[in-house]
Amino acid sequence: MSETYRKGLKEIIRIDPENGADFVDELKKVSPEFAEYFVEFAFGTIYTRSILEPKLKELIAIATLSAMSSSHSHLKLHILGAIRMGCSKEEIMEVIIQSVIYVGFMKTTIALNLVKEVFEEHVPLATQAPTL
């Protein structure tokens, strides 16, 4: 196991402590080589770069995934990751609202509803801002 892989796995677990390691284990069952490449490159090389703060990296992931119509589970994961990195519901929603210009109303509406779902499922009511 390379040092880059270890860094990547640590980063995945930091973003998703409940499911990160399980996600990698499931990926290994399909293709151990791909799991290694994915963890090393995406999280061990790219996500561990120090130029942008983790909070901003999650907001970028949210904006990018909002543009993709088949990435709901990954978008929810990064919404939760953004919360863990200190983003407020308003910041997350604003990134999605700003993306409407580029991704369209339907994808933006889907993304905003996923924000609502994540906050309902994972964030205590006392810390939630008013719902959509």
Protein backbone atom coordinates (compact mmCIF):
# COMPACT_ATOMS: atom_id res chain seq x y z
CA MET A 1 0.00 0.00 0.00
CA SER A 2 1.56 3.29 -1.11
CA GLU A 3 1.77 6.43 0.99
CA THR A 4 -0.47 8.19 -1.55
CA TYR A 5 -3.09 5.46 -1.11
CA ARG A 6 -2.92 5.83 2.70
CA LYS A 7 -3.34 9.61 2.40
CA GLY A 8 -6.26 9.12 0.03
CA LEU A 9 -8.01 6.62 2.26
CA LYS A 10 -7.56 8.94 5.24
CA GLU A 11 -9.10 11.77 3.21
CA ILE A 12 -12.09 9.66 2.14
CA ILE A 13 -12.72 8.71 5.77
CA ARG A 14 -12.40 12.34 6.86
CA ILE A 15 -15.08 13.35 4.34
CA ASP A 16 -17.34 10.37 5.06
CA PRO A 17 -16.43 8.74 8.38
CA GLU A 18 -19.49 6.47 8.41
CA ASN A 19 -19.21 5.02 4.91
CA GLY A 20 -15.87 6.02 3.34
CA ALA A 21 -13.92 2.85 4.14
CA ASP A 22 -16.90 0.66 3.22
CA PHE A 23 -17.19 2.43 -0.14
CA VAL A 24 -13.54 1.62 -0.89
CA ASP A 25 -14.00 -2.00 0.24
CA GLU A 26 -17.00 -2.40 -2.08
CA LEU A 27 -15.03 -0.89 -4.94
CA LYS A 28 -12.19 -3.35 -4.25
CA LYS A 29 -14.65 -6.25 -4.66
CA VAL A 30 -15.39 -5.05 -8.18
CA SER A 31 -11.83 -4.13 -9.13
CA PRO A 32 -8.97 -3.90 -6.64
CA GLU A 33 -6.80 -2.11 -9.19
CA PHE A 34 -9.43 0.52 -9.93
CA ALA A 35 -10.05 1.06 -6.22
CA GLU A 36 -6.33 1.68 -5.74
CA TYR A 37 -6.16 4.11 -8.69
CA PHE A 38 -9.28 5.93 -7.53
CA VAL A 39 -8.13 6.34 -3.92
CA GLU A 40 -4.59 7.33 -4.89
CA PHE A 41 -5.43 9.79 -7.63
CA ALA A 42 -8.74 11.37 -6.62
CA PHE A 43 -8.16 11.55 -2.90
CA GLY A 44 -4.45 10.91 -2.31
CA THR A 45 -3.24 13.29 -5.01
CA ILE A 46 -6.00 15.77 -5.88
CA TYR A 47 -8.04 16.13 -2.69
CA THR A 48 -4.94 16.39 -0.47
CA ARG A 49 -3.54 19.39 -2.34
CA SER A 50 -3.30 22.27 0.12
CA ILE A 51 -4.02 25.29 -2.08
CA LEU A 52 -7.79 25.26 -1.45
CA GLU A 53 -9.33 24.69 1.94
CA PRO A 54 -11.43 21.51 2.39
CA LYS A 55 -14.65 23.53 2.67
CA LEU A 56 -14.08 25.07 -0.77
CA LYS A 57 -13.19 21.69 -2.29
CA GLU A 58 -16.55 20.32 -1.17
CA LEU A 59 -18.39 23.32 -2.61
CA ILE A 60 -16.61 22.78 -5.93
CA ALA A 61 -17.63 19.11 -5.86
CA ILE A 62 -21.24 20.15 -5.20
CA ALA A 63 -21.24 22.61 -8.10
CA THR A 64 -19.72 20.04 -10.45
CA LEU A 65 -21.97 17.18 -9.38
CA SER A 66 -25.03 19.42 -9.65
CA ALA A 67 -24.33 19.56 -13.37
CA MET A 68 -24.42 15.78 -13.68
CA SER A 69 -27.84 14.20 -13.85
CA SER A 70 -26.82 10.74 -12.64
CA SER A 71 -24.75 11.55 -9.58
CA HIS A 72 -27.32 11.91 -6.81
CA SER A 73 -25.59 9.62 -4.31
CA HIS A 74 -22.22 11.33 -4.83
CA LEU A 75 -23.84 14.75 -4.60
CA LYS A 76 -25.48 13.80 -1.29
CA LEU A 77 -22.11 12.51 -0.06
CA HIS A 78 -20.41 15.82 -0.88
CA ILE A 79 -23.24 17.86 0.61
CA LEU A 80 -22.68 15.92 3.82
CA GLY A 81 -18.92 16.35 3.40
CA ALA A 82 -19.42 20.11 3.03
CA ILE A 83 -21.39 20.16 6.27
CA ARG A 84 -18.59 18.24 7.99
CA MET A 85 -16.05 20.75 6.64
CA GLY A 86 -18.02 23.65 8.14
CA CYS A 87 -20.27 24.84 5.32
CA SER A 88 -23.64 26.26 6.24
CA LYS A 89 -26.85 25.25 4.50
CA GLU A 90 -26.98 28.74 3.01
CA GLU A 91 -23.48 28.41 1.51
CA ILE A 92 -24.29 25.03 -0.01
CA MET A 93 -27.57 26.29 -1.43
CA GLU A 94 -25.90 29.43 -2.80
CA VAL A 95 -23.35 27.38 -4.75
CA ILE A 96 -26.19 25.43 -6.31
CA ILE A 97 -28.23 28.56 -7.00
CA GLN A 98 -25.20 30.16 -8.67
CA SER A 99 -24.87 27.10 -10.89
CA VAL A 100 -28.39 27.50 -12.35
CA ILE A 101 -26.93 29.72 -15.08
CA TYR A 102 -24.78 26.85 -16.34
CA VAL A 103 -26.70 23.69 -15.43
CA GLY A 104 -30.35 24.74 -15.78
CA PHE A 105 -33.36 24.85 -13.52
CA MET A 106 -34.16 21.12 -13.45
CA LYS A 107 -30.70 20.03 -12.27
CA THR A 108 -30.58 22.91 -9.80
CA THR A 109 -33.99 21.94 -8.40
CA ILE A 110 -32.85 18.34 -7.99
CA ALA A 111 -29.66 19.46 -6.22
CA LEU A 112 -31.55 21.80 -3.88
CA ASN A 113 -33.92 18.96 -2.97
CA LEU A 114 -30.92 16.76 -2.19
CA VAL A 115 -29.64 19.48 0.17
CA LYS A 116 -33.02 19.40 1.88
CA GLU A 117 -32.87 15.59 2.17
CA VAL A 118 -29.35 15.59 3.60
CA PHE A 119 -30.22 18.19 6.21
CA GLU A 120 -33.41 16.35 7.16
CA GLU A 121 -31.56 13.02 7.45
CA HIS A 122 -28.27 14.07 9.01
CA VAL A 123 -28.43 17.47 10.68
CA PRO A 124 -30.24 17.98 13.99
CA LEU A 125 -33.28 20.22 13.64
CA ALA A 126 -31.84 22.76 16.07
CA THR A 127 -29.01 23.59 13.66
CA GLN A 128 -31.07 23.75 10.48
CA ALA A 129 -32.01 26.96 8.77
CA PRO A 130 -35.60 27.20 7.51
CA THR A 131 -36.35 24.59 4.85
CA LEU A 132 -36.78 25.32 1.17
